[in-house]
C-alpha atoms as a PDB file:
ATOM      1  CA  MET A   1       0.053  -0.053  -0.142  1.00  0.00           C
ATOM      2  CA  ASP A   2       1.313   3.499  -0.947  1.00  0.00           C
ATOM      3  CA  ASN A   3       1.736   5.459   2.193  1.00  0.00           C
ATOM      4  CA  GLU A   4       1.080   8.763   0.067  1.00  0.00           C
ATOM      5  CA  LEU A   5      -2.199   7.474  -0.561  1.00  0.00           C
ATOM      6  CA  PHE A   6      -3.000   7.862   3.242  1.00  0.00           C
ATOM      7  CA  MET A   7      -1.774  10.952   4.443  1.00  0.00           C
ATOM      8  CA  GLU A   8      -3.133  12.743   7.763  1.00  0.00           C
ATOM      9  CA  GLY A   9      -6.222  15.027   7.078  1.00  0.00           C
ATOM     10  CA  MET A  10      -7.145  13.278   3.523  1.00  0.00           C
ATOM     11  CA  ILE A  11     -11.070  12.896   3.525  1.00  0.00           C
ATOM     12  CA  TYR A  12     -12.476   9.361   2.539  1.00  0.00           C
ATOM     13  CA  THR A  13     -15.701   8.598   1.635  1.00  0.00           C
ATOM     14  CA  LEU A  14     -16.892   5.351   3.388  1.00  0.00           C
ATOM     15  CA  THR A  15     -19.689   2.983   2.594  1.00  0.00           C
ATOM     16  CA  ASP A  16     -20.754   0.759   5.529  1.00  0.00           C
ATOM     17  CA  GLU A  17     -22.843  -2.398   5.577  1.00  0.00           C
ATOM     18  CA  ASP A  18     -26.263  -0.540   4.758  1.00  0.00           C
ATOM     19  CA  GLY A  19     -24.811   1.157   2.187  1.00  0.00           C
ATOM     20  CA  LYS A  20     -24.821   4.578   3.788  1.00  0.00           C
ATOM     21  CA  GLU A  21     -21.967   6.888   2.977  1.00  0.00           C
ATOM     22  CA  SER A  22     -20.415   8.970   5.457  1.00  0.00           C
ATOM     23  CA  GLU A  23     -17.099  11.462   4.818  1.00  0.00           C
ATOM     24  CA  PHE A  24     -14.430  10.666   7.541  1.00  0.00           C
ATOM     25  CA  GLN A  25     -11.343  12.700   8.009  1.00  0.00           C
ATOM     26  CA  LEU A  26      -7.660  10.911   8.641  1.00  0.00           C
ATOM     27  CA  ILE A  27      -5.991  12.012  11.802  1.00  0.00           C
ATOM     28  CA  GLY A  28      -3.546   8.840  12.231  1.00  0.00           C
ATOM     29  CA  LYS A  29      -1.915   5.763  10.783  1.00  0.00           C
ATOM     30  CA  ALA A  30      -0.216   2.692  12.663  1.00  0.00           C
ATOM     31  CA  GLU A  31       1.477  -0.114  11.491  1.00  0.00           C
ATOM     32  CA  LEU A  32       1.182  -2.681  14.484  1.00  0.00           C
ATOM     33  CA  ASP A  33       1.976  -6.426  14.328  1.00  0.00           C
ATOM     34  CA  GLY A  34       2.428  -6.169  10.693  1.00  0.00           C
ATOM     35  CA  GLU A  35      -1.148  -4.847  10.337  1.00  0.00           C
ATOM     36  CA  THR A  36      -2.253  -1.567   9.277  1.00  0.00           C
ATOM     37  CA  TYR A  37      -4.627   0.391  11.383  1.00  0.00           C
ATOM     38  CA  VAL A  38      -6.255   4.023  10.751  1.00  0.00           C
ATOM     39  CA  ALA A  39      -8.004   6.214  13.032  1.00  0.00           C
ATOM     40  CA  LEU A  40     -10.675   8.506  11.183  1.00  0.00           C
ATOM     41  CA  PHE A  41     -12.799  11.194  12.581  1.00  0.00           C
ATOM     42  CA  PRO A  42     -16.191  11.389  11.451  1.00  0.00           C
ATOM     43  CA  LEU A  43     -17.295  14.614   9.529  1.00  0.00           C
ATOM     44  CA  GLU A  44     -21.041  14.485  10.342  1.00  0.00           C
ATOM     45  CA  ASP A  45     -23.188  13.133  13.389  1.00  0.00           C
ATOM     46  CA  ASN A  46     -19.879  13.562  15.686  1.00  0.00           C
ATOM     47  CA  GLU A  47     -20.991  15.621  18.616  1.00  0.00           C
ATOM     48  CA  ASP A  48     -18.611  13.550  21.239  1.00  0.00           C
ATOM     49  CA  GLY A  49     -15.568  14.273  19.034  1.00  0.00           C
ATOM     50  CA  ALA A  50     -14.890   9.920  19.224  1.00  0.00           C
ATOM     51  CA  TYR A  51     -12.973   8.530  16.218  1.00  0.00           C
ATOM     52  CA  VAL A  52     -13.045   5.036  14.888  1.00  0.00           C
ATOM     53  CA  ILE A  53     -10.428   2.891  14.235  1.00  0.00           C
ATOM     54  CA  LEU A  54     -10.453   0.504  11.627  1.00  0.00           C
ATOM     55  CA  LYS A  55      -7.953  -2.035  10.013  1.00  0.00           C
ATOM     56  CA  MET A  56      -6.481  -1.998   6.294  1.00  0.00           C
ATOM     57  CA  GLY A  57      -6.839  -4.784   4.375  1.00  0.00           C
ATOM     58  CA  GLU A  58      -6.870  -5.758   0.480  1.00  0.00           C
ATOM     59  CA  GLU A  59      -9.900  -7.343  -1.726  1.00  0.00           C
ATOM     60  CA  GLU A  60      -9.378  -7.744  -5.037  1.00  0.00           C
ATOM     61  CA  GLY A  61      -6.249  -6.145  -5.262  1.00  0.00           C
ATOM     62  CA  GLU A  62      -7.932  -2.586  -3.776  1.00  0.00           C
ATOM     63  CA  SER A  63      -7.240  -1.254  -0.078  1.00  0.00           C
ATOM     64  CA  VAL A  64     -10.277  -1.596   2.220  1.00  0.00           C
ATOM     65  CA  PHE A  65     -11.338  -0.515   5.488  1.00  0.00           C
ATOM     66  CA  ASN A  66     -12.642  -3.267   8.085  1.00  0.00           C
ATOM     67  CA  SER A  67     -13.867  -3.386  11.526  1.00  0.00           C
ATOM     68  CA  ILE A  68     -11.634  -4.591  13.989  1.00  0.00           C
ATOM     69  CA  GLU A  69     -13.264  -8.008  15.475  1.00  0.00           C
ATOM     70  CA  ASP A  70     -10.961  -9.171  18.396  1.00  0.00           C
ATOM     71  CA  ASP A  71     -11.628  -7.348  21.521  1.00  0.00           C
ATOM     72  CA  ASP A  72      -7.929  -7.671  22.768  1.00  0.00           C
ATOM     73  CA  GLU A  73      -6.572  -6.525  19.188  1.00  0.00           C
ATOM     74  CA  PHE A  74      -8.752  -3.528  19.429  1.00  0.00           C
ATOM     75  CA  GLU A  75      -8.013  -2.896  22.982  1.00  0.00           C
ATOM     76  CA  LYS A  76      -4.127  -2.548  21.859  1.00  0.00           C
ATOM     77  CA  VAL A  77      -4.902  -0.417  19.028  1.00  0.00           C
ATOM     78  CA  ALA A  78      -7.230   1.555  20.787  1.00  0.00           C
ATOM     79  CA  ALA A  79      -4.526   2.071  23.288  1.00  0.00           C
ATOM     80  CA  TYR A  80      -1.743   3.179  20.930  1.00  0.00           C
ATOM     81  CA  PHE A  81      -3.928   5.827  19.190  1.00  0.00           C
ATOM     82  CA  ASP A  82      -5.282   7.115  22.330  1.00  0.00           C
ATOM     83  CA  GLU A  83      -1.524   7.575  23.446  1.00  0.00           C
ATOM     84  CA  LYS A  84      -0.708   9.316  20.313  1.00  0.00           C
ATOM     85  CA  LEU A  85      -3.788  11.395  19.195  1.00  0.00           C
ATOM     86  CA  ILE A  86      -4.883  12.988  23.087  1.00  0.00           C
ATOM     87  CA  PRO A  87      -2.460  14.728  24.250  1.00  0.00           C
ATOM     88  CA  GLU A  88      -1.400  14.824  27.632  1.00  0.00           C
ATOM     89  CA  ILE A  89      -2.863  17.197  29.880  1.00  0.00           C
ATOM     90  CA  ASP A  90      -0.318  18.560  32.497  1.00  0.00           C
ATOM     91  CA  TYR A  91      -2.669  19.585  35.513  1.00  0.00           C
ATOM     92  CA  ASP A  92      -0.085  20.539  37.797  1.00  0.00           C
ATOM     93  CA  GLU A  93       0.831  23.545  35.002  1.00  0.00           C
ATOM     94  CA  SER A  94      -2.663  24.551  34.248  1.00  0.00           C
ATOM     95  CA  GLU A  95      -3.354  24.958  38.512  1.00  0.00           C
ATOM     96  CA  GLU A  96      -0.729  27.459  38.560  1.00  0.00           C
ATOM     97  CA  GLY A  97      -1.743  31.069  37.652  1.00  0.00           C
END
């Protein structure tokens, strides 16, 4: 897979199992244990600011995004993205003033 095709900030239109299309912005990409994962931010109906994590795969020679079915695998990838995407808050610094 060409890394230049998956640059942070790019917008992707994905279709779910029901055929509904939604737009997502790529906010992160990681390679863990030989697999590639992406963190995508939904651009519509995302009042809580959550992002989704999908596993990249290949079907018929094309790159596809798939849900992560294994709970342990998902937890490991989610922890990685949480650490990389959510800045740490220094509470001691914010209390000074």
